[in-house]
Each structure stands twice: as structure tokens, then as C-alpha cells.
Amino acid sequence: MTFHAVMPLDDLVDGIPQQIRLNNRTLVLVRLDTDVYVLDDRCSHEDFSLAEGEVDGDEMTIECARHGALFSLVDGEAVTFPATRPVASYATRLVNGVVEVDL
């Protein structure tokens, strides 16, 4: 595993997607309490930013704002149509208040 420091946890707003670039990848980070979930920031149905979508913390999903496809924050699986393919998800950890992502 190769973890990369991304940002302090306190810089993420709970339930609000945050887009970042890391090692030539565009990712979306979502904070829910002290947990942070990281996915590729492109809908697998149509090339559109997931960071523009809404998060449902109860269902642990993020919605693509273009066509409404839902993706699991936990593993990137497509939960609803029109998406049928998952998006990549990445392991995270918190070290001294800083979010780290495993690429």
C-alpha cells in the first residue's frame, strides 16, 4: 500500500463532496463524521464529475448530478441505473488529523 497525504480532516465539510487531483487522478472525497471515502470522480455511465452530486449519508451513496445514478461510497459499486459499472474506490486512513489515500 502506498498512502499519500491529502488534506487535514478539518478541511472537509461533512457530507459535501470535495474534488482533488492526486498523482494524475481526479478523485472525490466525502467526509461522513470522522470517516472519509474516496472514489474516482467520474461517473461510469457518462463522463461527469461525481463531486457535483449529492451525498446521502444514511444510504452511504453519492449521486451523479447528470442522470441520477447512485454509487456506493464504501466500494464504488453502481447502486442504480443508468450506471451499471462501478467506479474505483480507494482505502483511506487518518494520521494525526490528516487524511491519507492509498493509490
Protein backbone atom coordinates (compact mmCIF):
# COMPACT_ATOMS: atom_id res chain seq x y z
CA MET A 1 0.00 0.00 0.00
CA THR A 2 1.17 3.47 -0.83
CA PHE A 3 -0.65 6.13 1.15
CA HIS A 4 -0.46 9.79 0.15
CA ALA A 5 -1.31 12.69 2.46
CA VAL A 6 -4.21 14.65 1.01
CA MET A 7 -5.51 17.26 3.45
CA PRO A 8 -6.45 17.80 7.08
CA LEU A 9 -9.75 16.17 8.03
CA ASP A 10 -10.95 19.54 9.29
CA ASP A 11 -10.72 20.95 5.74
CA LEU A 12 -13.51 18.59 4.61
CA VAL A 13 -17.13 19.56 5.27
CA ASP A 14 -19.29 16.67 6.46
CA GLY A 15 -21.46 15.33 3.61
CA ILE A 16 -20.12 17.73 0.96
CA PRO A 17 -18.12 16.16 -1.90
CA GLN A 18 -14.65 17.62 -2.47
CA GLN A 19 -12.78 17.16 -5.74
CA ILE A 20 -8.99 16.84 -5.67
CA ARG A 21 -6.19 15.94 -8.08
CA LEU A 22 -3.64 13.41 -6.86
CA ASN A 23 -0.98 11.70 -8.99
CA ASN A 24 -2.77 12.48 -12.28
CA ARG A 25 -6.09 11.21 -10.92
CA THR A 26 -9.19 13.24 -10.24
CA LEU A 27 -10.83 11.99 -7.05
CA VAL A 28 -13.86 12.85 -4.98
CA LEU A 29 -13.55 12.80 -1.19
CA VAL A 30 -16.57 12.57 1.06
CA ARG A 31 -16.40 13.03 4.81
CA LEU A 32 -19.09 11.45 6.97
CA ASP A 33 -18.28 12.20 10.61
CA THR A 34 -14.66 11.01 11.00
CA ASP A 35 -14.76 8.58 8.06
CA VAL A 36 -13.56 9.65 4.63
CA TYR A 37 -14.48 7.85 1.40
CA VAL A 38 -12.60 8.32 -1.86
CA LEU A 39 -13.77 7.40 -5.36
CA ASP A 40 -12.69 8.24 -8.89
CA ASP A 41 -14.50 11.45 -9.74
CA ARG A 42 -16.09 10.26 -12.97
CA CYS A 43 -19.48 8.63 -13.36
CA SER A 44 -19.08 5.26 -15.09
CA HIS A 45 -22.27 5.84 -17.10
CA GLU A 46 -21.21 9.14 -18.60
CA ASP A 47 -18.01 11.09 -18.06
CA PHE A 48 -19.34 13.55 -15.46
CA SER A 49 -17.97 14.70 -12.10
CA LEU A 50 -19.42 12.95 -9.06
CA ALA A 51 -18.21 15.87 -6.92
CA GLU A 52 -21.13 17.87 -8.33
CA GLY A 53 -23.62 15.34 -6.93
CA GLU A 54 -25.32 14.96 -3.59
CA VAL A 55 -24.34 12.61 -0.78
CA ASP A 56 -26.80 10.50 1.20
CA GLY A 57 -25.06 9.69 4.46
CA ASP A 58 -27.79 7.29 5.58
CA GLU A 59 -27.57 5.22 2.39
CA MET A 60 -23.80 5.79 2.02
CA THR A 61 -24.17 6.87 -1.62
CA ILE A 62 -23.21 9.71 -3.93
CA GLU A 63 -25.46 10.69 -6.83
CA CYS A 64 -24.29 11.69 -10.28
CA ALA A 65 -25.90 15.08 -10.92
CA ARG A 66 -26.27 14.43 -14.65
CA HIS A 67 -28.55 11.34 -14.73
CA GLY A 68 -29.11 10.40 -11.09
CA ALA A 69 -27.05 7.20 -10.93
CA LEU A 70 -26.07 6.31 -7.37
CA PHE A 71 -22.71 4.88 -6.32
CA SER A 72 -21.74 3.29 -3.02
CA LEU A 73 -19.27 5.40 -1.09
CA VAL A 74 -17.93 2.24 0.53
CA ASP A 75 -16.87 0.30 -2.58
CA GLY A 76 -17.80 2.37 -5.65
CA GLU A 77 -20.43 -0.10 -6.84
CA ALA A 78 -23.19 1.23 -9.09
CA VAL A 79 -26.35 1.12 -6.98
CA THR A 80 -28.90 2.37 -9.53
CA PHE A 81 -29.32 2.76 -13.28
CA PRO A 82 -28.36 4.20 -15.61
CA ALA A 83 -24.90 3.26 -14.27
CA THR A 84 -24.07 -0.44 -14.41
CA ARG A 85 -20.31 -0.37 -13.79
CA PRO A 86 -18.56 0.61 -10.56
CA VAL A 87 -16.11 3.45 -10.10
CA ALA A 88 -12.77 2.82 -8.41
CA SER A 89 -12.67 3.29 -4.65
CA TYR A 90 -9.58 3.86 -2.54
CA ALA A 91 -8.65 3.00 1.03
CA THR A 92 -8.14 5.88 3.41
CA ARG A 93 -6.70 6.39 6.85
CA LEU A 94 -6.39 9.26 9.27
CA VAL A 95 -2.90 10.03 10.59
CA ASN A 96 -2.52 12.90 13.08
CA GLY A 97 -5.65 14.56 11.71
CA VAL A 98 -4.54 14.28 8.07
CA VAL A 99 -6.46 12.19 5.52
CA GLU A 100 -4.27 9.78 3.57
CA VAL A 101 -5.36 7.88 0.44
CA ASP A 102 -3.93 4.61 -0.85
CA LEU A 103 -3.32 4.78 -4.58
